[in-house]
Amino acid sequence: MAKVNTLSHPAIVRALVQHGTRRDHAHLYADAFVQYREAIDHIARFGAIVNHPRTGNPIVNPYLEIRDKATAQLKSLHRIKADFLWTPTNLHLQPPSPEPAATEPAAEPAATQPR
């Protein structure tokens, strides 16, 4: 997944403060938002089941837990008005690319047999 232009942690804090959020709350929200964004990037790239780095056995992606903890922290900060942050661009979400249409190879003309 290609990286897109997104807000950095300091830019998120600055935007939240400009929207009337206290600086300390803005830092907490920005921390959780960045963790959430990184987690969903990793989950989108590697899936919910990944291989264990040492054994190679399939395991649940640890970023699912990171995403869930960041979500819980963001919900606890529900009084912060940050709807403007939740855009596909800021979340690194891109619409899925369309599947290329399966085309049948062109039929070859029948070879003519000499008589």
PDB file of N, CA and C in Angstrom:
ATOM      1  N   MET A   1       0.855  -1.163   0.000  1.00  0.00           N
ATOM      2  CA  MET A   1       0.000   0.000   0.000  1.00  0.00           C
ATOM      3  C   MET A   1       0.904   1.230   0.000  1.00  0.00           C
ATOM      4  N   ALA A   2       0.676   2.086  -0.955  1.00  0.00           N
ATOM      5  CA  ALA A   2       1.504   3.278  -1.061  1.00  0.00           C
ATOM      6  C   ALA A   2       1.126   4.280   0.019  1.00  0.00           C
ATOM      7  N   LYS A   3       2.134   4.945   0.535  1.00  0.00           N
ATOM      8  CA  LYS A   3       1.877   5.981   1.537  1.00  0.00           C
ATOM      9  C   LYS A   3       1.278   7.193   0.835  1.00  0.00           C
ATOM     10  N   VAL A   4       0.354   7.810   1.526  1.00  0.00           N
ATOM     11  CA  VAL A   4      -0.259   9.028   1.001  1.00  0.00           C
ATOM     12  C   VAL A   4       0.065  10.164   1.945  1.00  0.00           C
ATOM     13  N   ASN A   5      -0.171  11.360   1.497  1.00  0.00           N
ATOM     14  CA  ASN A   5       0.110  12.531   2.317  1.00  0.00           C
ATOM     15  C   ASN A   5      -0.837  12.548   3.511  1.00  0.00           C
ATOM     16  N   THR A   6      -0.278  12.431   4.729  1.00  0.00           N
ATOM     17  CA  THR A   6      -1.106  12.403   5.928  1.00  0.00           C
ATOM     18  C   THR A   6      -0.550  13.378   6.948  1.00  0.00           C
ATOM     19  N   LEU A   7      -1.349  13.619   7.967  1.00  0.00           N
ATOM     20  CA  LEU A   7      -0.930  14.512   9.040  1.00  0.00           C
ATOM     21  C   LEU A   7       0.060  13.811   9.960  1.00  0.00           C
ATOM     22  N   SER A   8       1.102  14.512  10.341  1.00  0.00           N
ATOM     23  CA  SER A   8       2.058  14.001  11.313  1.00  0.00           C
ATOM     24  C   SER A   8       1.508  14.246  12.715  1.00  0.00           C
ATOM     25  N   HIS A   9       2.147  13.648  13.706  1.00  0.00           N
ATOM     26  CA  HIS A   9       1.714  13.824  15.101  1.00  0.00           C
ATOM     27  C   HIS A   9       1.671  15.309  15.478  1.00  0.00           C
ATOM     28  N   PRO A  10       2.763  16.078  15.224  1.00  0.00           N
ATOM     29  CA  PRO A  10       2.701  17.513  15.573  1.00  0.00           C
ATOM     30  C   PRO A  10       1.602  18.263  14.819  1.00  0.00           C
ATOM     31  N   ALA A  11       1.358  17.884  13.563  1.00  0.00           N
ATOM     32  CA  ALA A  11       0.308  18.555  12.796  1.00  0.00           C
ATOM     33  C   ALA A  11      -1.077  18.238  13.361  1.00  0.00           C
ATOM     34  N   ILE A  12      -1.264  17.005  13.850  1.00  0.00           N
ATOM     35  CA  ILE A  12      -2.538  16.641  14.470  1.00  0.00           C
ATOM     36  C   ILE A  12      -2.748  17.458  15.742  1.00  0.00           C
ATOM     37  N   VAL A  13      -1.707  17.550  16.561  1.00  0.00           N
ATOM     38  CA  VAL A  13      -1.806  18.336  17.804  1.00  0.00           C
ATOM     39  C   VAL A  13      -2.135  19.784  17.472  1.00  0.00           C
ATOM     40  N   ARG A  14      -1.422  20.340  16.512  1.00  0.00           N
ATOM     41  CA  ARG A  14      -1.638  21.743  16.129  1.00  0.00           C
ATOM     42  C   ARG A  14      -3.078  21.952  15.646  1.00  0.00           C
ATOM     43  N   ALA A  15      -3.587  21.043  14.825  1.00  0.00           N
ATOM     44  CA  ALA A  15      -4.953  21.177  14.301  1.00  0.00           C
ATOM     45  C   ALA A  15      -5.981  21.057  15.417  1.00  0.00           C
ATOM     46  N   LEU A  16      -5.767  20.130  16.343  1.00  0.00           N
ATOM     47  CA  LEU A  16      -6.709  19.978  17.447  1.00  0.00           C
ATOM     48  C   LEU A  16      -6.725  21.213  18.343  1.00  0.00           C
ATOM     49  N   VAL A  17      -5.546  21.767  18.621  1.00  0.00           N
ATOM     50  CA  VAL A  17      -5.461  22.967  19.458  1.00  0.00           C
ATOM     51  C   VAL A  17      -6.166  24.134  18.756  1.00  0.00           C
ATOM     52  N   GLN A  18      -5.997  24.230  17.443  1.00  0.00           N
ATOM     53  CA  GLN A  18      -6.676  25.293  16.686  1.00  0.00           C
ATOM     54  C   GLN A  18      -8.198  25.131  16.728  1.00  0.00           C
ATOM     55  N   HIS A  19      -8.661  23.896  16.919  1.00  0.00           N
ATOM     56  CA  HIS A  19     -10.100  23.640  17.018  1.00  0.00           C
ATOM     57  C   HIS A  19     -10.595  23.724  18.462  1.00  0.00           C
ATOM     58  N   GLY A  20      -9.746  24.209  19.379  1.00  0.00           N
ATOM     59  CA  GLY A  20     -10.184  24.466  20.740  1.00  0.00           C
ATOM     60  C   GLY A  20      -9.882  23.379  21.757  1.00  0.00           C
ATOM     61  N   THR A  21      -9.097  22.380  21.391  1.00  0.00           N
ATOM     62  CA  THR A  21      -8.752  21.300  22.327  1.00  0.00           C
ATOM     63  C   THR A  21      -7.550  21.719  23.162  1.00  0.00           C
ATOM     64  N   ARG A  22      -7.582  21.358  24.439  1.00  0.00           N
ATOM     65  CA  ARG A  22      -6.421  21.621  25.294  1.00  0.00           C
ATOM     66  C   ARG A  22      -5.210  20.857  24.754  1.00  0.00           C
ATOM     67  N   ARG A  23      -4.033  21.463  24.889  1.00  0.00           N
ATOM     68  CA  ARG A  23      -2.818  20.867  24.326  1.00  0.00           C
ATOM     69  C   ARG A  23      -2.541  19.466  24.886  1.00  0.00           C
ATOM     70  N   ASP A  24      -2.721  19.253  26.203  1.00  0.00           N
ATOM     71  CA  ASP A  24      -2.441  17.932  26.767  1.00  0.00           C
ATOM     72  C   ASP A  24      -3.405  16.877  26.225  1.00  0.00           C
ATOM     73  N   HIS A  25      -4.670  17.248  26.059  1.00  0.00           N
ATOM     74  CA  HIS A  25      -5.634  16.316  25.469  1.00  0.00           C
ATOM     75  C   HIS A  25      -5.333  16.087  23.995  1.00  0.00           C
ATOM     76  N   ALA A  26      -4.871  17.120  23.317  1.00  0.00           N
ATOM     77  CA  ALA A  26      -4.517  16.979  21.901  1.00  0.00           C
ATOM     78  C   ALA A  26      -3.374  15.988  21.726  1.00  0.00           C
ATOM     79  N   HIS A  27      -2.391  16.022  22.625  1.00  0.00           N
ATOM     80  CA  HIS A  27      -1.276  15.070  22.545  1.00  0.00           C
ATOM     81  C   HIS A  27      -1.764  13.639  22.772  1.00  0.00           C
ATOM     82  N   LEU A  28      -2.638  13.444  23.753  1.00  0.00           N
ATOM     83  CA  LEU A  28      -3.185  12.109  24.007  1.00  0.00           C
ATOM     84  C   LEU A  28      -3.953  11.593  22.792  1.00  0.00           C
ATOM     85  N   TYR A  29      -4.772  12.454  22.215  1.00  0.00           N
ATOM     86  CA  TYR A  29      -5.562  12.054  21.058  1.00  0.00           C
ATOM     87  C   TYR A  29      -4.654  11.749  19.873  1.00  0.00           C
ATOM     88  N   ALA A  30      -3.658  12.591  19.645  1.00  0.00           N
ATOM     89  CA  ALA A  30      -2.743  12.383  18.519  1.00  0.00           C
ATOM     90  C   ALA A  30      -1.967  11.084  18.683  1.00  0.00           C
ATOM     91  N   ASP A  31      -1.525  10.774  19.904  1.00  0.00           N
ATOM     92  CA  ASP A  31      -0.829   9.503  20.154  1.00  0.00           C
ATOM     93  C   ASP A  31      -1.703   8.322  19.754  1.00  0.00           C
ATOM     94  N   ALA A  32      -2.942   8.317  20.234  1.00  0.00           N
ATOM     95  CA  ALA A  32      -3.850   7.212  19.951  1.00  0.00           C
ATOM     96  C   ALA A  32      -4.205   7.152  18.469  1.00  0.00           C
ATOM     97  N   PHE A  33      -4.393   8.316  17.854  1.00  0.00           N
ATOM     98  CA  PHE A  33      -4.744   8.364  16.437  1.00  0.00           C
ATOM     99  C   PHE A  33      -3.625   7.785  15.583  1.00  0.00           C
ATOM    100  N   VAL A  34      -2.378   8.163  15.882  1.00  0.00           N
ATOM    101  CA  VAL A  34      -1.227   7.663  15.118  1.00  0.00           C
ATOM    102  C   VAL A  34      -1.068   6.157  15.327  1.00  0.00           C
ATOM    103  N   GLN A  35      -1.242   5.670  16.569  1.00  0.00           N
ATOM    104  CA  GLN A  35      -1.174   4.226  16.821  1.00  0.00           C
ATOM    105  C   GLN A  35      -2.260   3.492  16.041  1.00  0.00           C
ATOM    106  N   TYR A  36      -3.460   4.019  16.053  1.00  0.00           N
ATOM    107  CA  TYR A  36      -4.569   3.412  15.319  1.00  0.00           C
ATOM    108  C   TYR A  36      -4.240   3.356  13.829  1.00  0.00           C
ATOM    109  N   ARG A  37      -3.755   4.467  13.285  1.00  0.00           N
ATOM    110  CA  ARG A  37      -3.435   4.542  11.859  1.00  0.00           C
ATOM    111  C   ARG A  37      -2.352   3.542  11.483  1.00  0.00           C
ATOM    112  N   GLU A  38      -1.292   3.436  12.302  1.00  0.00           N
ATOM    113  CA  GLU A  38      -0.220   2.479  12.022  1.00  0.00           C
ATOM    114  C   GLU A  38      -0.734   1.046  12.102  1.00  0.00           C
ATOM    115  N   ALA A  39      -1.614   0.774  13.061  1.00  0.00           N
ATOM    116  CA  ALA A  39      -2.150  -0.575  13.216  1.00  0.00           C
ATOM    117  C   ALA A  39      -3.001  -0.971  12.013  1.00  0.00           C
ATOM    118  N   ILE A  40      -3.880  -0.075  11.560  1.00  0.00           N
ATOM    119  CA  ILE A  40      -4.719  -0.454  10.427  1.00  0.00           C
ATOM    120  C   ILE A  40      -3.892  -0.580   9.152  1.00  0.00           C
ATOM    121  N   ASP A  41      -2.818   0.194   9.023  1.00  0.00           N
ATOM    122  CA  ASP A  41      -1.909   0.026   7.884  1.00  0.00           C
ATOM    123  C   ASP A  41      -1.307  -1.379   7.890  1.00  0.00           C
ATOM    124  N   HIS A  42      -0.808  -1.793   9.053  1.00  0.00           N
ATOM    125  CA  HIS A  42      -0.166  -3.102   9.171  1.00  0.00           C
ATOM    126  C   HIS A  42      -1.167  -4.225   8.920  1.00  0.00           C
ATOM    127  N   ILE A  43      -2.364  -4.102   9.467  1.00  0.00           N
ATOM    128  CA  ILE A  43      -3.386  -5.127   9.277  1.00  0.00           C
ATOM    129  C   ILE A  43      -3.793  -5.206   7.805  1.00  0.00           C
ATOM    130  N   ALA A  44      -3.940  -4.063   7.160  1.00  0.00           N
ATOM    131  CA  ALA A  44      -4.299  -4.055   5.741  1.00  0.00           C
ATOM    132  C   ALA A  44      -3.194  -4.681   4.891  1.00  0.00           C
ATOM    133  N   ARG A  45      -1.954  -4.464   5.261  1.00  0.00           N
ATOM    134  CA  ARG A  45      -0.825  -4.972   4.487  1.00  0.00           C
ATOM    135  C   ARG A  45      -0.614  -6.466   4.690  1.00  0.00           C
ATOM    136  N   PHE A  46      -0.745  -6.957   5.934  1.00  0.00           N
ATOM    137  CA  PHE A  46      -0.371  -8.338   6.225  1.00  0.00           C
ATOM    138  C   PHE A  46      -1.549  -9.230   6.609  1.00  0.00           C
ATOM    139  N   GLY A  47      -2.710  -8.664   6.889  1.00  0.00           N
ATOM    140  CA  GLY A  47      -3.879  -9.473   7.226  1.00  0.00           C
ATOM    141  C   GLY A  47      -4.009  -9.727   8.717  1.00  0.00           C
ATOM    142  N   ALA A  48      -5.095 -10.403   9.078  1.00  0.00           N
ATOM    143  CA  ALA A  48      -5.391 -10.664  10.484  1.00  0.00           C
ATOM    144  C   ALA A  48      -4.566 -11.833  11.029  1.00  0.00           C
ATOM    145  N   ILE A  49      -4.125 -12.715  10.162  1.00  0.00           N
ATOM    146  CA  ILE A  49      -3.294 -13.849  10.553  1.00  0.00           C
ATOM    147  C   ILE A  49      -1.933 -13.667   9.888  1.00  0.00           C
ATOM    148  N   VAL A  50      -0.875 -13.745  10.703  1.00  0.00           N
ATOM    149  CA  VAL A  50       0.494 -13.594  10.196  1.00  0.00           C
ATOM    150  C   VAL A  50       1.331 -14.773  10.679  1.00  0.00           C
ATOM    151  N   ASN A  51       2.506 -14.900  10.121  1.00  0.00           N
ATOM    152  CA  ASN A  51       3.427 -15.940  10.570  1.00  0.00           C
ATOM    153  C   ASN A  51       4.243 -15.435  11.744  1.00  0.00           C
ATOM    154  N   HIS A  52       4.421 -16.300  12.738  1.00  0.00           N
ATOM    155  CA  HIS A  52       5.264 -15.962  13.880  1.00  0.00           C
ATOM    156  C   HIS A  52       6.684 -15.744  13.363  1.00  0.00           C
ATOM    157  N   PRO A  53       7.372 -14.683  13.804  1.00  0.00           N
ATOM    158  CA  PRO A  53       8.696 -14.376  13.244  1.00  0.00           C
ATOM    159  C   PRO A  53       9.750 -15.447  13.520  1.00  0.00           C
ATOM    160  N   ARG A  54       9.609 -16.160  14.610  1.00  0.00           N
ATOM    161  CA  ARG A  54      10.627 -17.162  14.947  1.00  0.00           C
ATOM    162  C   ARG A  54      10.253 -18.552  14.459  1.00  0.00           C
ATOM    163  N   THR A  55       9.006 -18.965  14.710  1.00  0.00           N
ATOM    164  CA  THR A  55       8.605 -20.329  14.387  1.00  0.00           C
ATOM    165  C   THR A  55       7.954 -20.474  13.023  1.00  0.00           C
ATOM    166  N   GLY A  56       7.411 -19.378  12.500  1.00  0.00           N
ATOM    167  CA  GLY A  56       6.720 -19.441  11.217  1.00  0.00           C
ATOM    168  C   GLY A  56       5.289 -19.950  11.321  1.00  0.00           C
ATOM    169  N   ASN A  57       4.841 -20.278  12.530  1.00  0.00           N
ATOM    170  CA  ASN A  57       3.463 -20.739  12.722  1.00  0.00           C
ATOM    171  C   ASN A  57       2.494 -19.572  12.574  1.00  0.00           C
ATOM    172  N   PRO A  58       1.288 -19.840  12.095  1.00  0.00           N
ATOM    173  CA  PRO A  58       0.307 -18.759  11.979  1.00  0.00           C
ATOM    174  C   PRO A  58      -0.158 -18.292  13.362  1.00  0.00           C
ATOM    175  N   ILE A  59      -0.239 -16.977  13.520  1.00  0.00           N
ATOM    176  CA  ILE A  59      -0.710 -16.371  14.765  1.00  0.00           C
ATOM    177  C   ILE A  59      -1.625 -15.200  14.417  1.00  0.00           C
ATOM    178  N   VAL A  60      -2.396 -14.768  15.400  1.00  0.00           N
ATOM    179  CA  VAL A  60      -3.217 -13.574  15.229  1.00  0.00           C
ATOM    180  C   VAL A  60      -2.283 -12.373  15.171  1.00  0.00           C
ATOM    181  N   ASN A  61      -2.515 -11.502  14.226  1.00  0.00           N
ATOM    182  CA  ASN A  61      -1.685 -10.315  14.049  1.00  0.00           C
ATOM    183  C   ASN A  61      -1.710  -9.479  15.340  1.00  0.00           C
ATOM    184  N   PRO A  62      -0.543  -9.232  15.959  1.00  0.00           N
ATOM    185  CA  PRO A  62      -0.519  -8.446  17.196  1.00  0.00           C
ATOM    186  C   PRO A  62      -1.021  -7.012  17.018  1.00  0.00           C
ATOM    187  N   TYR A  63      -1.049  -6.533  15.791  1.00  0.00           N
ATOM    188  CA  TYR A  63      -1.540  -5.178  15.553  1.00  0.00           C
ATOM    189  C   TYR A  63      -3.049  -5.070  15.740  1.00  0.00           C
ATOM    190  N   LEU A  64      -3.751  -6.208  15.764  1.00  0.00           N
ATOM    191  CA  LEU A  64      -5.181  -6.168  16.079  1.00  0.00           C
ATOM    192  C   LEU A  64      -5.391  -5.664  17.506  1.00  0.00           C
ATOM    193  N   GLU A  65      -4.560  -6.137  18.432  1.00  0.00           N
ATOM    194  CA  GLU A  65      -4.655  -5.681  19.818  1.00  0.00           C
ATOM    195  C   GLU A  65      -4.263  -4.212  19.953  1.00  0.00           C
ATOM    196  N   ILE A  66      -3.238  -3.804  19.214  1.00  0.00           N
ATOM    197  CA  ILE A  66      -2.813  -2.400  19.238  1.00  0.00           C
ATOM    198  C   ILE A  66      -3.946  -1.520  18.716  1.00  0.00           C
ATOM    199  N   ARG A  67      -4.591  -1.961  17.626  1.00  0.00           N
ATOM    200  CA  ARG A  67      -5.719  -1.204  17.071  1.00  0.00           C
ATOM    201  C   ARG A  67      -6.846  -1.092  18.090  1.00  0.00           C
ATOM    202  N   ASP A  68      -7.157  -2.207  18.759  1.00  0.00           N
ATOM    203  CA  ASP A  68      -8.255  -2.208  19.721  1.00  0.00           C
ATOM    204  C   ASP A  68      -7.960  -1.301  20.917  1.00  0.00           C
ATOM    205  N   LYS A  69      -6.713  -1.311  21.398  1.00  0.00           N
ATOM    206  CA  LYS A  69      -6.343  -0.434  22.522  1.00  0.00           C
ATOM    207  C   LYS A  69      -6.385   1.032  22.104  1.00  0.00           C
ATOM    208  N   ALA A  70      -5.926   1.329  20.898  1.00  0.00           N
ATOM    209  CA  ALA A  70      -5.977   2.711  20.415  1.00  0.00           C
ATOM    210  C   ALA A  70      -7.427   3.160  20.245  1.00  0.00           C
ATOM    211  N   THR A  71      -8.280   2.253  19.757  1.00  0.00           N
ATOM    212  CA  THR A  71      -9.700   2.575  19.605  1.00  0.00           C
ATOM    213  C   THR A  71     -10.324   2.894  20.963  1.00  0.00           C
ATOM    214  N   ALA A  72     -10.007   2.078  21.969  1.00  0.00           N
ATOM    215  CA  ALA A  72     -10.542   2.311  23.311  1.00  0.00           C
ATOM    216  C   ALA A  72     -10.077   3.662  23.851  1.00  0.00           C
ATOM    217  N   GLN A  73      -8.807   3.999  23.607  1.00  0.00           N
ATOM    218  CA  GLN A  73      -8.305   5.291  24.088  1.00  0.00           C
ATOM    219  C   GLN A  73      -8.995   6.438  23.354  1.00  0.00           C
ATOM    220  N   LEU A  74      -9.195   6.295  22.049  1.00  0.00           N
ATOM    221  CA  LEU A  74      -9.878   7.341  21.292  1.00  0.00           C
ATOM    222  C   LEU A  74     -11.325   7.506  21.773  1.00  0.00           C
ATOM    223  N   LYS A  75     -11.976   6.394  22.088  1.00  0.00           N
ATOM    224  CA  LYS A  75     -13.351   6.480  22.600  1.00  0.00           C
ATOM    225  C   LYS A  75     -13.395   7.167  23.958  1.00  0.00           C
ATOM    226  N   SER A  76     -12.350   6.968  24.761  1.00  0.00           N
ATOM    227  CA  SER A  76     -12.329   7.625  26.068  1.00  0.00           C
ATOM    228  C   SER A  76     -12.134   9.133  25.936  1.00  0.00           C
ATOM    229  N   LEU A  77     -11.649   9.564  24.790  1.00  0.00           N
ATOM    230  CA  LEU A  77     -11.447  10.998  24.522  1.00  0.00           C
ATOM    231  C   LEU A  77     -12.555  11.526  23.610  1.00  0.00           C
ATOM    232  N   HIS A  78     -13.755  10.977  23.753  1.00  0.00           N
ATOM    233  CA  HIS A  78     -14.865  11.282  22.853  1.00  0.00           C
ATOM    234  C   HIS A  78     -15.280  12.744  22.861  1.00  0.00           C
ATOM    235  N   ARG A  79     -14.913  13.482  23.879  1.00  0.00           N
ATOM    236  CA  ARG A  79     -15.312  14.900  23.936  1.00  0.00           C
ATOM    237  C   ARG A  79     -14.508  15.767  22.973  1.00  0.00           C
ATOM    238  N   ILE A  80     -13.402  15.241  22.504  1.00  0.00           N
ATOM    239  CA  ILE A  80     -12.577  15.997  21.555  1.00  0.00           C
ATOM    240  C   ILE A  80     -13.251  15.941  20.193  1.00  0.00           C
ATOM    241  N   LYS A  81     -13.473  17.096  19.618  1.00  0.00           N
ATOM    242  CA  LYS A  81     -14.101  17.188  18.299  1.00  0.00           C
ATOM    243  C   LYS A  81     -13.014  17.071  17.239  1.00  0.00           C
ATOM    244  N   ALA A  82     -12.893  15.862  16.690  1.00  0.00           N
ATOM    245  CA  ALA A  82     -11.814  15.602  15.734  1.00  0.00           C
ATOM    246  C   ALA A  82     -12.332  14.920  14.476  1.00  0.00           C
ATOM    247  N   ASP A  83     -13.574  15.184  14.118  1.00  0.00           N
ATOM    248  CA  ASP A  83     -14.137  14.549  12.928  1.00  0.00           C
ATOM    249  C   ASP A  83     -13.313  14.849  11.683  1.00  0.00           C
ATOM    250  N   PHE A  84     -12.713  16.002  11.627  1.00  0.00           N
ATOM    251  CA  PHE A  84     -11.929  16.400  10.465  1.00  0.00           C
ATOM    252  C   PHE A  84     -10.711  15.503  10.249  1.00  0.00           C
ATOM    253  N   LEU A  85     -10.273  14.763  11.286  1.00  0.00           N
ATOM    254  CA  LEU A  85      -9.114  13.868  11.146  1.00  0.00           C
ATOM    255  C   LEU A  85      -9.474  12.543  10.475  1.00  0.00           C
ATOM    256  N   TRP A  86     -10.727  12.154  10.567  1.00  0.00           N
ATOM    257  CA  TRP A  86     -11.136  10.814  10.142  1.00  0.00           C
ATOM    258  C   TRP A  86     -11.508  10.788   8.668  1.00  0.00           C
ATOM    259  N   THR A  87     -10.536  11.114   7.838  1.00  0.00           N
ATOM    260  CA  THR A  87     -10.728  11.061   6.393  1.00  0.00           C
ATOM    261  C   THR A  87      -9.902   9.901   5.843  1.00  0.00           C
ATOM    262  N   PRO A  88     -10.281   9.348   4.706  1.00  0.00           N
ATOM    263  CA  PRO A  88      -9.496   8.257   4.130  1.00  0.00           C
ATOM    264  C   PRO A  88      -8.028   8.633   3.917  1.00  0.00           C
ATOM    265  N   THR A  89      -7.759   9.871   3.561  1.00  0.00           N
ATOM    266  CA  THR A  89      -6.377  10.295   3.353  1.00  0.00           C
ATOM    267  C   THR A  89      -5.597  10.255   4.657  1.00  0.00           C
ATOM    268  N   ASN A  90      -6.172  10.767   5.730  1.00  0.00           N
ATOM    269  CA  ASN A  90      -5.469  10.784   7.012  1.00  0.00           C
ATOM    270  C   ASN A  90      -5.319   9.397   7.618  1.00  0.00           C
ATOM    271  N   LEU A  91      -6.181   8.476   7.237  1.00  0.00           N
ATOM    272  CA  LEU A  91      -6.103   7.122   7.766  1.00  0.00           C
ATOM    273  C   LEU A  91      -5.305   6.191   6.858  1.00  0.00           C
ATOM    274  N   HIS A  92      -4.756   6.717   5.774  1.00  0.00           N
ATOM    275  CA  HIS A  92      -4.014   5.934   4.783  1.00  0.00           C
ATOM    276  C   HIS A  92      -4.920   4.953   4.058  1.00  0.00           C
ATOM    277  N   LEU A  93      -6.215   5.181   4.072  1.00  0.00           N
ATOM    278  CA  LEU A  93      -7.124   4.275   3.385  1.00  0.00           C
ATOM    279  C   LEU A  93      -7.227   4.692   1.932  1.00  0.00           C
ATOM    280  N   GLN A  94      -7.135   3.722   1.081  1.00  0.00           N
ATOM    281  CA  GLN A  94      -7.303   3.979  -0.338  1.00  0.00           C
ATOM    282  C   GLN A  94      -8.332   2.996  -0.857  1.00  0.00           C
ATOM    283  N   PRO A  95      -9.150   3.425  -1.798  1.00  0.00           N
ATOM    284  CA  PRO A  95     -10.122   2.480  -2.337  1.00  0.00           C
ATOM    285  C   PRO A  95      -9.378   1.327  -3.005  1.00  0.00           C
ATOM    286  N   PRO A  96      -9.935   0.118  -2.935  1.00  0.00           N
ATOM    287  CA  PRO A  96      -9.257  -1.003  -3.571  1.00  0.00           C
ATOM    288  C   PRO A  96      -9.131  -0.779  -5.060  1.00  0.00           C
ATOM    289  N   SER A  97      -7.995  -1.163  -5.598  1.00  0.00           N
ATOM    290  CA  SER A  97      -7.799  -0.989  -7.030  1.00  0.00           C
ATOM    291  C   SER A  97      -8.656  -2.014  -7.753  1.00  0.00           C
ATOM    292  N   PRO A  98      -9.263  -1.614  -8.854  1.00  0.00           N
ATOM    293  CA  PRO A  98     -10.143  -2.536  -9.569  1.00  0.00           C
ATOM    294  C   PRO A  98      -9.337  -3.712 -10.108  1.00  0.00           C
ATOM    295  N   GLU A  99      -9.969  -4.876 -10.062  1.00  0.00           N
ATOM    296  CA  GLU A  99      -9.323  -6.067 -10.587  1.00  0.00           C
ATOM    297  C   GLU A  99      -9.249  -5.939 -12.102  1.00  0.00           C
ATOM    298  N   PRO A 100      -8.090  -6.270 -12.687  1.00  0.00           N
ATOM    299  CA  PRO A 100      -8.032  -6.203 -14.147  1.00  0.00           C
ATOM    300  C   PRO A 100      -8.970  -7.251 -14.727  1.00  0.00           C
ATOM    301  N   ALA A 101      -9.674  -6.879 -15.773  1.00  0.00           N
ATOM    302  CA  ALA A 101     -10.616  -7.798 -16.403  1.00  0.00           C
ATOM    303  C   ALA A 101      -9.843  -8.953 -17.028  1.00  0.00           C
ATOM    304  N   ALA A 102     -10.315 -10.133 -16.756  1.00  0.00           N
ATOM    305  CA  ALA A 102      -9.669 -11.313 -17.334  1.00  0.00           C
ATOM    306  C   ALA A 102     -10.018 -11.355 -18.813  1.00  0.00           C
ATOM    307  N   THR A 103      -9.025 -11.297 -19.627  1.00  0.00           N
ATOM    308  CA  THR A 103      -9.259 -11.326 -21.069  1.00  0.00           C
ATOM    309  C   THR A 103      -8.752 -12.650 -21.601  1.00  0.00           C
ATOM    310  N   GLU A 104      -9.509 -13.196 -22.498  1.00  0.00           N
ATOM    311  CA  GLU A 104      -9.112 -14.447 -23.129  1.00  0.00           C
ATOM    312  C   GLU A 104      -8.121 -14.110 -24.222  1.00  0.00           C
ATOM    313  N   PRO A 105      -7.067 -14.931 -24.363  1.00  0.00           N
ATOM    314  CA  PRO A 105      -6.138 -14.657 -25.452  1.00  0.00           C
ATOM    315  C   PRO A 105      -6.862 -14.792 -26.789  1.00  0.00           C
ATOM    316  N   ALA A 106      -6.464 -13.970 -27.702  1.00  0.00           N
ATOM    317  CA  ALA A 106      -7.098 -13.992 -29.021  1.00  0.00           C
ATOM    318  C   ALA A 106      -6.854 -15.352 -29.660  1.00  0.00           C
ATOM    319  N   ALA A 107      -7.908 -15.866 -30.296  1.00  0.00           N
ATOM    320  CA  ALA A 107      -7.783 -17.157 -30.957  1.00  0.00           C
ATOM    321  C   ALA A 107      -6.841 -17.015 -32.135  1.00  0.00           C
ATOM    322  N   GLU A 108      -5.947 -17.987 -32.257  1.00  0.00           N
ATOM    323  CA  GLU A 108      -5.013 -17.937 -33.388  1.00  0.00           C
ATOM    324  C   GLU A 108      -5.721 -18.444 -34.624  1.00  0.00           C
ATOM    325  N   PRO A 109      -5.409 -17.834 -35.745  1.00  0.00           N
ATOM    326  CA  PRO A 109      -6.057 -18.306 -36.969  1.00  0.00           C
ATOM    327  C   PRO A 109      -5.608 -19.733 -37.272  1.00  0.00           C
ATOM    328  N   ALA A 110      -6.528 -20.520 -37.806  1.00  0.00           N
ATOM    329  CA  ALA A 110      -6.203 -21.909 -38.121  1.00  0.00           C
ATOM    330  C   ALA A 110      -5.152 -21.935 -39.221  1.00  0.00           C
ATOM    331  N   ALA A 111      -4.169 -22.783 -39.020  1.00  0.00           N
ATOM    332  CA  ALA A 111      -3.098 -22.901 -40.026  1.00  0.00           C
ATOM    333  C   ALA A 111      -3.650 -23.618 -41.245  1.00  0.00           C
ATOM    334  N   THR A 112      -3.269 -23.137 -42.378  1.00  0.00           N
ATOM    335  CA  THR A 112      -3.742 -23.775 -43.607  1.00  0.00           C
ATOM    336  C   THR A 112      -2.802 -24.900 -43.962  1.00  0.00           C
ATOM    337  N   GLN A 113      -3.357 -26.001 -44.377  1.00  0.00           N
ATOM    338  CA  GLN A 113      -2.578 -27.172 -44.746  1.00  0.00           C
ATOM    339  C   GLN A 113      -2.346 -27.149 -46.257  1.00  0.00           C
ATOM    340  N   PRO A 114      -1.124 -27.380 -46.677  1.00  0.00           N
ATOM    341  CA  PRO A 114      -0.884 -27.457 -48.142  1.00  0.00           C
ATOM    342  C   PRO A 114      -1.556 -28.717 -48.693  1.00  0.00           C
ATOM    343  N   ARG A 115      -2.075 -28.651 -49.914  1.00  0.00           N
ATOM    344  CA  ARG A 115      -2.749 -29.801 -50.524  1.00  0.00           C
ATOM    345  C   ARG A 115      -1.870 -30.514 -51.461  1.00  0.00           C
TER     346      ARG A 115
END
